């Protein structure tokens, strides 16, 4: 969606690629809940370096991982929601303002 919106020059090339699933030591059976957090963290940490095994900084301990995901969710939300690339930016700001008004009245 984003690549189409910004008319990325490699869009056609990227659409033709297949997805390769990687086995990761910190994965869980419930990764679908925070999959966007995992993807964002991968993009931050991977840097296209296939020569080494990269560490995304996720603890293997479930409780610690849950806390880390919560912190990253806040970090990414604060950056993505008000971004000019977010096609729902105006709606997000409007709903946040309405929620803020409801809590202060």
PDB file of N, CA and C in Angstrom:
ATOM      1  N   UNK A   1       0.827  -1.191   0.000  1.00  0.00           N
ATOM      2  CA  UNK A   1       0.000   0.000   0.000  1.00  0.00           C
ATOM      3  C   UNK A   1       0.876   1.262   0.000  1.00  0.00           C
ATOM      4  N   UNK A   2       1.850   1.309   0.907  1.00  0.00           N
ATOM      5  CA  UNK A   2       2.713   2.486   0.999  1.00  0.00           C
ATOM      6  C   UNK A   2       3.513   2.677  -0.293  1.00  0.00           C
ATOM      7  N   UNK A   3       4.041   1.589  -0.844  1.00  0.00           N
ATOM      8  CA  UNK A   3       4.848   1.710  -2.059  1.00  0.00           C
ATOM      9  C   UNK A   3       4.026   2.242  -3.221  1.00  0.00           C
ATOM     10  N   UNK A   4       2.751   1.852  -3.284  1.00  0.00           N
ATOM     11  CA  UNK A   4       1.871   2.388  -4.331  1.00  0.00           C
ATOM     12  C   UNK A   4       1.614   3.867  -4.098  1.00  0.00           C
ATOM     13  N   UNK A   5       1.356   4.222  -2.848  1.00  0.00           N
ATOM     14  CA  UNK A   5       1.045   5.621  -2.512  1.00  0.00           C
ATOM     15  C   UNK A   5       2.188   6.558  -2.891  1.00  0.00           C
ATOM     16  N   UNK A   6       3.417   6.128  -2.647  1.00  0.00           N
ATOM     17  CA  UNK A   6       4.571   6.990  -2.951  1.00  0.00           C
ATOM     18  C   UNK A   6       5.125   6.737  -4.351  1.00  0.00           C
ATOM     19  N   UNK A   7       4.440   5.879  -5.113  1.00  0.00           N
ATOM     20  CA  UNK A   7       4.855   5.553  -6.478  1.00  0.00           C
ATOM     21  C   UNK A   7       6.323   5.138  -6.519  1.00  0.00           C
ATOM     22  N   UNK A   8       6.642   4.146  -5.698  1.00  0.00           N
ATOM     23  CA  UNK A   8       8.021   3.669  -5.578  1.00  0.00           C
ATOM     24  C   UNK A   8       8.499   3.105  -6.924  1.00  0.00           C
ATOM     25  N   UNK A   9       9.695   3.474  -7.370  1.00  0.00           N
ATOM     26  CA  UNK A   9      10.181   3.040  -8.681  1.00  0.00           C
ATOM     27  C   UNK A   9      10.402   1.520  -8.789  1.00  0.00           C
ATOM     28  N   UNK A  10      10.568   0.831  -7.679  1.00  0.00           N
ATOM     29  CA  UNK A  10      10.813  -0.610  -7.733  1.00  0.00           C
ATOM     30  C   UNK A  10       9.564  -1.422  -7.381  1.00  0.00           C
ATOM     31  N   UNK A  11       8.392  -0.790  -7.382  1.00  0.00           N
ATOM     32  CA  UNK A  11       7.155  -1.465  -6.997  1.00  0.00           C
ATOM     33  C   UNK A  11       6.917  -2.739  -7.801  1.00  0.00           C
ATOM     34  N   UNK A  12       6.993  -2.666  -9.103  1.00  0.00           N
ATOM     35  CA  UNK A  12       6.744  -3.842  -9.963  1.00  0.00           C
ATOM     36  C   UNK A  12       7.731  -4.966  -9.649  1.00  0.00           C
ATOM     37  N   UNK A  13       8.976  -4.604  -9.459  1.00  0.00           N
ATOM     38  CA  UNK A  13      10.010  -5.592  -9.151  1.00  0.00           C
ATOM     39  C   UNK A  13       9.723  -6.260  -7.798  1.00  0.00           C
ATOM     40  N   UNK A  14       9.331  -5.472  -6.825  1.00  0.00           N
ATOM     41  CA  UNK A  14       9.066  -6.004  -5.489  1.00  0.00           C
ATOM     42  C   UNK A  14       7.812  -6.861  -5.442  1.00  0.00           C
ATOM     43  N   UNK A  15       6.799  -6.505  -6.228  1.00  0.00           N
ATOM     44  CA  UNK A  15       5.560  -7.292  -6.253  1.00  0.00           C
ATOM     45  C   UNK A  15       5.808  -8.717  -6.733  1.00  0.00           C
ATOM     46  N   UNK A  16       6.812  -8.907  -7.557  1.00  0.00           N
ATOM     47  CA  UNK A  16       7.105 -10.220  -8.103  1.00  0.00           C
ATOM     48  C   UNK A  16       7.935 -11.111  -7.199  1.00  0.00           C
ATOM     49  N   UNK A  17       8.414 -10.598  -6.082  1.00  0.00           N
ATOM     50  CA  UNK A  17       9.262 -11.379  -5.184  1.00  0.00           C
ATOM     51  C   UNK A  17       8.440 -12.320  -4.313  1.00  0.00           C
ATOM     52  N   UNK A  18       9.035 -13.421  -3.957  1.00  0.00           N
ATOM     53  CA  UNK A  18       8.359 -14.341  -3.042  1.00  0.00           C
ATOM     54  C   UNK A  18       8.878 -14.111  -1.622  1.00  0.00           C
ATOM     55  N   UNK A  19       8.051 -14.450  -0.662  1.00  0.00           N
ATOM     56  CA  UNK A  19       8.387 -14.255   0.748  1.00  0.00           C
ATOM     57  C   UNK A  19       9.147 -15.478   1.253  1.00  0.00           C
ATOM     58  N   UNK A  20      10.215 -15.237   1.983  1.00  0.00           N
ATOM     59  CA  UNK A  20      10.981 -16.320   2.592  1.00  0.00           C
ATOM     60  C   UNK A  20      10.814 -16.231   4.101  1.00  0.00           C
ATOM     61  N   UNK A  21      10.323 -17.297   4.704  1.00  0.00           N
ATOM     62  CA  UNK A  21      10.146 -17.310   6.150  1.00  0.00           C
ATOM     63  C   UNK A  21      11.432 -17.755   6.821  1.00  0.00           C
ATOM     64  N   UNK A  22      11.819 -17.023   7.838  1.00  0.00           N
ATOM     65  CA  UNK A  22      13.030 -17.341   8.574  1.00  0.00           C
ATOM     66  C   UNK A  22      12.672 -17.919   9.935  1.00  0.00           C
ATOM     67  N   UNK A  23      13.419 -18.885  10.372  1.00  0.00           N
ATOM     68  CA  UNK A  23      13.263 -19.422  11.722  1.00  0.00           C
ATOM     69  C   UNK A  23      13.995 -18.485  12.676  1.00  0.00           C
ATOM     70  N   UNK A  24      13.305 -18.040  13.704  1.00  0.00           N
ATOM     71  CA  UNK A  24      13.905 -17.121  14.660  1.00  0.00           C
ATOM     72  C   UNK A  24      13.766 -17.683  16.069  1.00  0.00           C
ATOM     73  N   UNK A  25      14.806 -17.516  16.839  1.00  0.00           N
ATOM     74  CA  UNK A  25      14.868 -18.153  18.159  1.00  0.00           C
ATOM     75  C   UNK A  25      13.855 -17.594  19.140  1.00  0.00           C
ATOM     76  N   UNK A  26      13.429 -16.362  18.972  1.00  0.00           N
ATOM     77  CA  UNK A  26      12.529 -15.764  19.937  1.00  0.00           C
ATOM     78  C   UNK A  26      11.069 -15.825  19.506  1.00  0.00           C
ATOM     79  N   UNK A  27      10.771 -16.530  18.409  1.00  0.00           N
ATOM     80  CA  UNK A  27       9.401 -16.616  17.908  1.00  0.00           C
ATOM     81  C   UNK A  27       8.498 -17.363  18.893  1.00  0.00           C
ATOM     82  N   UNK A  28       7.213 -17.072  18.797  1.00  0.00           N
ATOM     83  CA  UNK A  28       6.226 -17.773  19.627  1.00  0.00           C
ATOM     84  C   UNK A  28       5.121 -18.280  18.725  1.00  0.00           C
ATOM     85  N   UNK A  29       4.219 -19.033  19.299  1.00  0.00           N
ATOM     86  CA  UNK A  29       3.054 -19.507  18.548  1.00  0.00           C
ATOM     87  C   UNK A  29       2.035 -18.379  18.370  1.00  0.00           C
ATOM     88  N   UNK A  30       2.223 -17.269  19.053  1.00  0.00           N
ATOM     89  CA  UNK A  30       1.265 -16.169  18.988  1.00  0.00           C
ATOM     90  C   UNK A  30       1.868 -14.928  18.336  1.00  0.00           C
ATOM     91  N   UNK A  31       2.806 -15.093  17.433  1.00  0.00           N
ATOM     92  CA  UNK A  31       3.450 -13.958  16.783  1.00  0.00           C
ATOM     93  C   UNK A  31       2.461 -13.075  16.021  1.00  0.00           C
ATOM     94  N   UNK A  32       1.318 -13.644  15.613  1.00  0.00           N
ATOM     95  CA  UNK A  32       0.363 -12.877  14.828  1.00  0.00           C
ATOM     96  C   UNK A  32      -0.166 -11.663  15.586  1.00  0.00           C
ATOM     97  N   UNK A  33      -0.177 -11.695  16.893  1.00  0.00           N
ATOM     98  CA  UNK A  33      -0.688 -10.584  17.691  1.00  0.00           C
ATOM     99  C   UNK A  33       0.173  -9.342  17.511  1.00  0.00           C
ATOM    100  N   UNK A  34       1.471  -9.510  17.519  1.00  0.00           N
ATOM    101  CA  UNK A  34       2.381  -8.377  17.398  1.00  0.00           C
ATOM    102  C   UNK A  34       3.242  -8.466  16.144  1.00  0.00           C
ATOM    103  N   UNK A  35       2.708  -9.035  15.075  1.00  0.00           N
ATOM    104  CA  UNK A  35       3.530  -9.235  13.879  1.00  0.00           C
ATOM    105  C   UNK A  35       4.063  -7.921  13.325  1.00  0.00           C
ATOM    106  N   UNK A  36       3.270  -6.837  13.416  1.00  0.00           N
ATOM    107  CA  UNK A  36       3.768  -5.562  12.893  1.00  0.00           C
ATOM    108  C   UNK A  36       4.938  -5.046  13.718  1.00  0.00           C
ATOM    109  N   UNK A  37       4.943  -5.336  15.015  1.00  0.00           N
ATOM    110  CA  UNK A  37       6.054  -4.937  15.878  1.00  0.00           C
ATOM    111  C   UNK A  37       7.312  -5.696  15.457  1.00  0.00           C
ATOM    112  N   UNK A  38       7.174  -6.988  15.211  1.00  0.00           N
ATOM    113  CA  UNK A  38       8.313  -7.794  14.788  1.00  0.00           C
ATOM    114  C   UNK A  38       8.862  -7.300  13.441  1.00  0.00           C
ATOM    115  N   UNK A  39       7.967  -6.982  12.509  1.00  0.00           N
ATOM    116  CA  UNK A  39       8.401  -6.507  11.189  1.00  0.00           C
ATOM    117  C   UNK A  39       9.155  -5.184  11.313  1.00  0.00           C
ATOM    118  N   UNK A  40       8.599  -4.251  12.074  1.00  0.00           N
ATOM    119  CA  UNK A  40       9.264  -2.953  12.241  1.00  0.00           C
ATOM    120  C   UNK A  40      10.634  -3.128  12.883  1.00  0.00           C
ATOM    121  N   UNK A  41      10.701  -3.986  13.891  1.00  0.00           N
ATOM    122  CA  UNK A  41      11.982  -4.197  14.576  1.00  0.00           C
ATOM    123  C   UNK A  41      12.996  -4.832  13.625  1.00  0.00           C
ATOM    124  N   UNK A  42      12.533  -5.767  12.807  1.00  0.00           N
ATOM    125  CA  UNK A  42      13.434  -6.380  11.819  1.00  0.00           C
ATOM    126  C   UNK A  42      14.002  -5.325  10.885  1.00  0.00           C
ATOM    127  N   UNK A  43      13.131  -4.432  10.407  1.00  0.00           N
ATOM    128  CA  UNK A  43      13.603  -3.401   9.478  1.00  0.00           C
ATOM    129  C   UNK A  43      14.608  -2.476  10.158  1.00  0.00           C
ATOM    130  N   UNK A  44      14.412  -2.202  11.434  1.00  0.00           N
ATOM    131  CA  UNK A  44      15.352  -1.365  12.178  1.00  0.00           C
ATOM    132  C   UNK A  44      16.711  -2.032  12.350  1.00  0.00           C
ATOM    133  N   UNK A  45      16.702  -3.325  12.615  1.00  0.00           N
ATOM    134  CA  UNK A  45      17.915  -4.006  13.046  1.00  0.00           C
ATOM    135  C   UNK A  45      18.652  -4.780  11.958  1.00  0.00           C
ATOM    136  N   UNK A  46      17.970  -5.210  10.908  1.00  0.00           N
ATOM    137  CA  UNK A  46      18.564  -6.141   9.953  1.00  0.00           C
ATOM    138  C   UNK A  46      19.610  -5.506   9.046  1.00  0.00           C
ATOM    139  N   UNK A  47      19.306  -4.391   8.442  1.00  0.00           N
ATOM    140  CA  UNK A  47      20.235  -3.662   7.572  1.00  0.00           C
ATOM    141  C   UNK A  47      20.775  -4.497   6.409  1.00  0.00           C
ATOM    142  N   UNK A  48      19.999  -5.453   5.943  1.00  0.00           N
ATOM    143  CA  UNK A  48      20.351  -6.274   4.770  1.00  0.00           C
ATOM    144  C   UNK A  48      21.706  -6.953   4.884  1.00  0.00           C
ATOM    145  N   UNK A  49      22.079  -7.336   6.072  1.00  0.00           N
ATOM    146  CA  UNK A  49      23.365  -8.001   6.272  1.00  0.00           C
ATOM    147  C   UNK A  49      23.119  -9.500   6.473  1.00  0.00           C
ATOM    148  N   UNK A  50      23.209 -10.261   5.388  1.00  0.00           N
ATOM    149  CA  UNK A  50      22.959 -11.698   5.448  1.00  0.00           C
ATOM    150  C   UNK A  50      24.140 -12.464   6.044  1.00  0.00           C
ATOM    151  N   UNK A  51      25.288 -11.842   6.136  1.00  0.00           N
ATOM    152  CA  UNK A  51      26.509 -12.535   6.560  1.00  0.00           C
ATOM    153  C   UNK A  51      26.504 -12.881   8.047  1.00  0.00           C
ATOM    154  N   UNK A  52      25.743 -12.164   8.824  1.00  0.00           N
ATOM    155  CA  UNK A  52      25.719 -12.444  10.259  1.00  0.00           C
ATOM    156  C   UNK A  52      24.289 -12.750  10.685  1.00  0.00           C
ATOM    157  N   UNK A  53      24.135 -13.394  11.784  1.00  0.00           N
ATOM    158  CA  UNK A  53      22.781 -13.584  12.300  1.00  0.00           C
ATOM    159  C   UNK A  53      22.484 -12.364  13.154  1.00  0.00           C
ATOM    160  N   UNK A  54      21.426 -11.697  12.850  1.00  0.00           N
ATOM    161  CA  UNK A  54      21.159 -10.455  13.560  1.00  0.00           C
ATOM    162  C   UNK A  54      20.270 -10.707  14.774  1.00  0.00           C
ATOM    163  N   UNK A  55      20.413  -9.836  15.743  1.00  0.00           N
ATOM    164  CA  UNK A  55      19.655  -9.925  16.979  1.00  0.00           C
ATOM    165  C   UNK A  55      18.721  -8.731  17.027  1.00  0.00           C
ATOM    166  N   UNK A  56      17.429  -9.002  17.080  1.00  0.00           N
ATOM    167  CA  UNK A  56      16.441  -7.915  17.090  1.00  0.00           C
ATOM    168  C   UNK A  56      16.181  -7.385  18.494  1.00  0.00           C
ATOM    169  N   UNK A  57      16.852  -7.929  19.470  1.00  0.00           N
ATOM    170  CA  UNK A  57      16.710  -7.425  20.827  1.00  0.00           C
ATOM    171  C   UNK A  57      15.472  -7.915  21.554  1.00  0.00           C
ATOM    172  N   UNK A  58      14.832  -8.965  21.045  1.00  0.00           N
ATOM    173  CA  UNK A  58      13.672  -9.522  21.737  1.00  0.00           C
ATOM    174  C   UNK A  58      14.135 -10.586  22.726  1.00  0.00           C
ATOM    175  N   UNK A  59      13.753 -10.444  23.980  1.00  0.00           N
ATOM    176  CA  UNK A  59      14.110 -11.476  24.956  1.00  0.00           C
ATOM    177  C   UNK A  59      13.389 -12.784  24.642  1.00  0.00           C
ATOM    178  N   UNK A  60      13.938 -13.886  25.040  1.00  0.00           N
ATOM    179  CA  UNK A  60      13.289 -15.178  24.840  1.00  0.00           C
ATOM    180  C   UNK A  60      12.248 -15.440  25.930  1.00  0.00           C
ATOM    181  N   UNK A  61      12.433 -14.824  27.074  1.00  0.00           N
ATOM    182  CA  UNK A  61      11.487 -14.958  28.174  1.00  0.00           C
ATOM    183  C   UNK A  61      10.162 -14.289  27.783  1.00  0.00           C
ATOM    184  N   UNK A  62       9.036 -15.003  27.916  1.00  0.00           N
ATOM    185  CA  UNK A  62       7.735 -14.503  27.476  1.00  0.00           C
ATOM    186  C   UNK A  62       7.340 -13.186  28.141  1.00  0.00           C
ATOM    187  N   UNK A  63       7.522 -13.083  29.435  1.00  0.00           N
ATOM    188  CA  UNK A  63       7.118 -11.866  30.156  1.00  0.00           C
ATOM    189  C   UNK A  63       7.949 -10.661  29.700  1.00  0.00           C
ATOM    190  N   UNK A  64       9.241 -10.859  29.591  1.00  0.00           N
ATOM    191  CA  UNK A  64      10.125  -9.778  29.144  1.00  0.00           C
ATOM    192  C   UNK A  64       9.826  -9.399  27.694  1.00  0.00           C
ATOM    193  N   UNK A  65       9.518 -10.390  26.857  1.00  0.00           N
ATOM    194  CA  UNK A  65       9.202 -10.129  25.451  1.00  0.00           C
ATOM    195  C   UNK A  65       7.915  -9.308  25.344  1.00  0.00           C
ATOM    196  N   UNK A  66       6.935  -9.641  26.178  1.00  0.00           N
ATOM    197  CA  UNK A  66       5.669  -8.917  26.184  1.00  0.00           C
ATOM    198  C   UNK A  66       5.898  -7.436  26.542  1.00  0.00           C
ATOM    199  N   UNK A  67       6.746  -7.199  27.529  1.00  0.00           N
ATOM    200  CA  UNK A  67       7.065  -5.825  27.920  1.00  0.00           C
ATOM    201  C   UNK A  67       7.781  -5.083  26.789  1.00  0.00           C
ATOM    202  N   UNK A  68       8.726  -5.760  26.147  1.00  0.00           N
ATOM    203  CA  UNK A  68       9.477  -5.162  25.033  1.00  0.00           C
ATOM    204  C   UNK A  68       8.530  -4.808  23.882  1.00  0.00           C
ATOM    205  N   UNK A  69       7.608  -5.706  23.569  1.00  0.00           N
ATOM    206  CA  UNK A  69       6.637  -5.446  22.501  1.00  0.00           C
ATOM    207  C   UNK A  69       5.774  -4.231  22.848  1.00  0.00           C
ATOM    208  N   UNK A  70       5.370  -4.113  24.109  1.00  0.00           N
ATOM    209  CA  UNK A  70       4.569  -2.966  24.529  1.00  0.00           C
ATOM    210  C   UNK A  70       5.306  -1.659  24.339  1.00  0.00           C
ATOM    211  N   UNK A  71       6.583  -1.629  24.705  1.00  0.00           N
ATOM    212  CA  UNK A  71       7.387  -0.421  24.529  1.00  0.00           C
ATOM    213  C   UNK A  71       7.568  -0.077  23.045  1.00  0.00           C
ATOM    214  N   UNK A  72       7.839  -1.101  22.235  1.00  0.00           N
ATOM    215  CA  UNK A  72       8.027  -0.866  20.798  1.00  0.00           C
ATOM    216  C   UNK A  72       6.724  -0.442  20.130  1.00  0.00           C
ATOM    217  N   UNK A  73       5.595  -0.992  20.575  1.00  0.00           N
ATOM    218  CA  UNK A  73       4.295  -0.615  20.022  1.00  0.00           C
ATOM    219  C   UNK A  73       4.085   0.889  20.219  1.00  0.00           C
ATOM    220  N   UNK A  74       4.395   1.388  21.399  1.00  0.00           N
ATOM    221  CA  UNK A  74       4.251   2.821  21.679  1.00  0.00           C
ATOM    222  C   UNK A  74       5.218   3.639  20.813  1.00  0.00           C
ATOM    223  N   UNK A  75       6.446   3.173  20.715  1.00  0.00           N
ATOM    224  CA  UNK A  75       7.463   3.881  19.917  1.00  0.00           C
ATOM    225  C   UNK A  75       7.018   4.009  18.466  1.00  0.00           C
ATOM    226  N   UNK A  76       6.596   2.896  17.876  1.00  0.00           N
ATOM    227  CA  UNK A  76       6.220   2.905  16.467  1.00  0.00           C
ATOM    228  C   UNK A  76       4.916   3.667  16.235  1.00  0.00           C
ATOM    229  N   UNK A  77       3.957   3.527  17.141  1.00  0.00           N
ATOM    230  CA  UNK A  77       2.686   4.242  16.993  1.00  0.00           C
ATOM    231  C   UNK A  77       2.916   5.746  17.010  1.00  0.00           C
ATOM    232  N   UNK A  78       3.777   6.203  17.901  1.00  0.00           N
ATOM    233  CA  UNK A  78       4.066   7.647  17.992  1.00  0.00           C
ATOM    234  C   UNK A  78       4.719   8.180  16.728  1.00  0.00           C
ATOM    235  N   UNK A  79       5.417   7.322  16.012  1.00  0.00           N
ATOM    236  CA  UNK A  79       6.078   7.751  14.781  1.00  0.00           C
ATOM    237  C   UNK A  79       5.175   7.594  13.554  1.00  0.00           C
ATOM    238  N   UNK A  80       4.396   6.506  13.505  1.00  0.00           N
ATOM    239  CA  UNK A  80       3.627   6.202  12.298  1.00  0.00           C
ATOM    240  C   UNK A  80       2.284   6.915  12.233  1.00  0.00           C
ATOM    241  N   UNK A  81       1.565   6.974  13.337  1.00  0.00           N
ATOM    242  CA  UNK A  81       0.216   7.535  13.286  1.00  0.00           C
ATOM    243  C   UNK A  81       0.180   8.986  12.807  1.00  0.00           C
ATOM    244  N   UNK A  82       1.064   9.868  13.299  1.00  0.00           N
ATOM    245  CA  UNK A  82       1.009  11.258  12.817  1.00  0.00           C
ATOM    246  C   UNK A  82       1.820  11.510  11.537  1.00  0.00           C
ATOM    247  N   UNK A  83       2.378  10.459  10.952  1.00  0.00           N
ATOM    248  CA  UNK A  83       3.204  10.614   9.751  1.00  0.00           C
ATOM    249  C   UNK A  83       2.374  11.100   8.566  1.00  0.00           C
ATOM    250  N   UNK A  84       2.970  11.917   7.722  1.00  0.00           N
ATOM    251  CA  UNK A  84       2.286  12.400   6.515  1.00  0.00           C
ATOM    252  C   UNK A  84       1.999  11.267   5.529  1.00  0.00           C
ATOM    253  N   UNK A  85       2.713  10.169   5.633  1.00  0.00           N
ATOM    254  CA  UNK A  85       2.495   9.018   4.753  1.00  0.00           C
ATOM    255  C   UNK A  85       1.241   8.242   5.169  1.00  0.00           C
ATOM    256  N   UNK A  86       0.831   8.370   6.416  1.00  0.00           N
ATOM    257  CA  UNK A  86      -0.356   7.676   6.919  1.00  0.00           C
ATOM    258  C   UNK A  86      -1.603   8.287   6.272  1.00  0.00           C
ATOM    259  N   UNK A  87      -2.281   7.510   5.437  1.00  0.00           N
ATOM    260  CA  UNK A  87      -3.469   8.027   4.743  1.00  0.00           C
ATOM    261  C   UNK A  87      -4.629   8.270   5.702  1.00  0.00           C
ATOM    262  N   UNK A  88      -4.543   7.742   6.920  1.00  0.00           N
ATOM    263  CA  UNK A  88      -5.585   7.939   7.922  1.00  0.00           C
ATOM    264  C   UNK A  88      -5.176   8.960   8.988  1.00  0.00           C
ATOM    265  N   UNK A  89      -4.141   9.725   8.714  1.00  0.00           N
ATOM    266  CA  UNK A  89      -3.605  10.670   9.697  1.00  0.00           C
ATOM    267  C   UNK A  89      -4.677  11.615  10.240  1.00  0.00           C
ATOM    268  N   UNK A  90      -5.444  12.233   9.362  1.00  0.00           N
ATOM    269  CA  UNK A  90      -6.458  13.189   9.807  1.00  0.00           C
ATOM    270  C   UNK A  90      -7.507  12.518  10.700  1.00  0.00           C
ATOM    271  N   UNK A  91      -7.898  11.319  10.328  1.00  0.00           N
ATOM    272  CA  UNK A  91      -8.866  10.569  11.132  1.00  0.00           C
ATOM    273  C   UNK A  91      -8.289  10.229  12.505  1.00  0.00           C
ATOM    274  N   UNK A  92      -7.034   9.828  12.536  1.00  0.00           N
ATOM    275  CA  UNK A  92      -6.372   9.496  13.801  1.00  0.00           C
ATOM    276  C   UNK A  92      -6.333  10.713  14.717  1.00  0.00           C
ATOM    277  N   UNK A  93      -5.952  11.859  14.161  1.00  0.00           N
ATOM    278  CA  UNK A  93      -5.873  13.084  14.960  1.00  0.00           C
ATOM    279  C   UNK A  93      -7.258  13.499  15.449  1.00  0.00           C
ATOM    280  N   UNK A  94      -8.256  13.409  14.579  1.00  0.00           N
ATOM    281  CA  UNK A  94      -9.629  13.774  14.962  1.00  0.00           C
ATOM    282  C   UNK A  94     -10.128  12.876  16.100  1.00  0.00           C
ATOM    283  N   UNK A  95      -9.935  11.563  15.954  1.00  0.00           N
ATOM    284  CA  UNK A  95     -10.396  10.638  16.986  1.00  0.00           C
ATOM    285  C   UNK A  95      -9.633  10.833  18.292  1.00  0.00           C
ATOM    286  N   UNK A  96      -8.351  11.147  18.207  1.00  0.00           N
ATOM    287  CA  UNK A  96      -7.566  11.405  19.420  1.00  0.00           C
ATOM    288  C   UNK A  96      -8.070  12.670  20.113  1.00  0.00           C
ATOM    289  N   UNK A  97      -8.366  13.704  19.321  1.00  0.00           N
ATOM    290  CA  UNK A  97      -8.907  14.941  19.887  1.00  0.00           C
ATOM    291  C   UNK A  97     -10.260  14.694  20.553  1.00  0.00           C
ATOM    292  N   UNK A  98     -11.108  13.880  19.887  1.00  0.00           N
ATOM    293  CA  UNK A  98     -12.422  13.570  20.468  1.00  0.00           C
ATOM    294  C   UNK A  98     -12.267  12.774  21.765  1.00  0.00           C
ATOM    295  N   UNK A  99     -11.345  11.829  21.756  1.00  0.00           N
ATOM    296  CA  UNK A  99     -11.102  11.042  22.971  1.00  0.00           C
ATOM    297  C   UNK A  99     -10.568  11.920  24.092  1.00  0.00           C
ATOM    298  N   UNK A 100      -9.669  12.826  23.745  1.00  0.00           N
ATOM    299  CA  UNK A 100      -9.114  13.749  24.741  1.00  0.00           C
ATOM    300  C   UNK A 100     -10.209  14.637  25.307  1.00  0.00           C
ATOM    301  N   UNK A 101     -11.108  15.120  24.452  1.00  0.00           N
ATOM    302  CA  UNK A 101     -12.223  15.951  24.897  1.00  0.00           C
ATOM    303  C   UNK A 101     -13.176  15.194  25.800  1.00  0.00           C
ATOM    304  N   UNK A 102     -13.385  13.921  25.502  1.00  0.00           N
ATOM    305  CA  UNK A 102     -14.291  13.097  26.303  1.00  0.00           C
ATOM    306  C   UNK A 102     -13.704  12.841  27.689  1.00  0.00           C
ATOM    307  N   UNK A 103     -12.394  12.779  27.795  1.00  0.00           N
ATOM    308  CA  UNK A 103     -11.787  12.483  29.089  1.00  0.00           C
ATOM    309  C   UNK A 103     -11.609  13.726  29.940  1.00  0.00           C
ATOM    310  N   UNK A 104     -11.612  14.911  29.318  1.00  0.00           N
ATOM    311  CA  UNK A 104     -11.412  16.130  30.105  1.00  0.00           C
ATOM    312  C   UNK A 104     -12.735  16.761  30.510  1.00  0.00           C
ATOM    313  N   UNK A 105     -13.855  16.335  29.931  1.00  0.00           N
ATOM    314  CA  UNK A 105     -15.174  16.891  30.289  1.00  0.00           C
ATOM    315  C   UNK A 105     -15.749  16.220  31.514  1.00  0.00           C
TER     316      UNK A 105
END
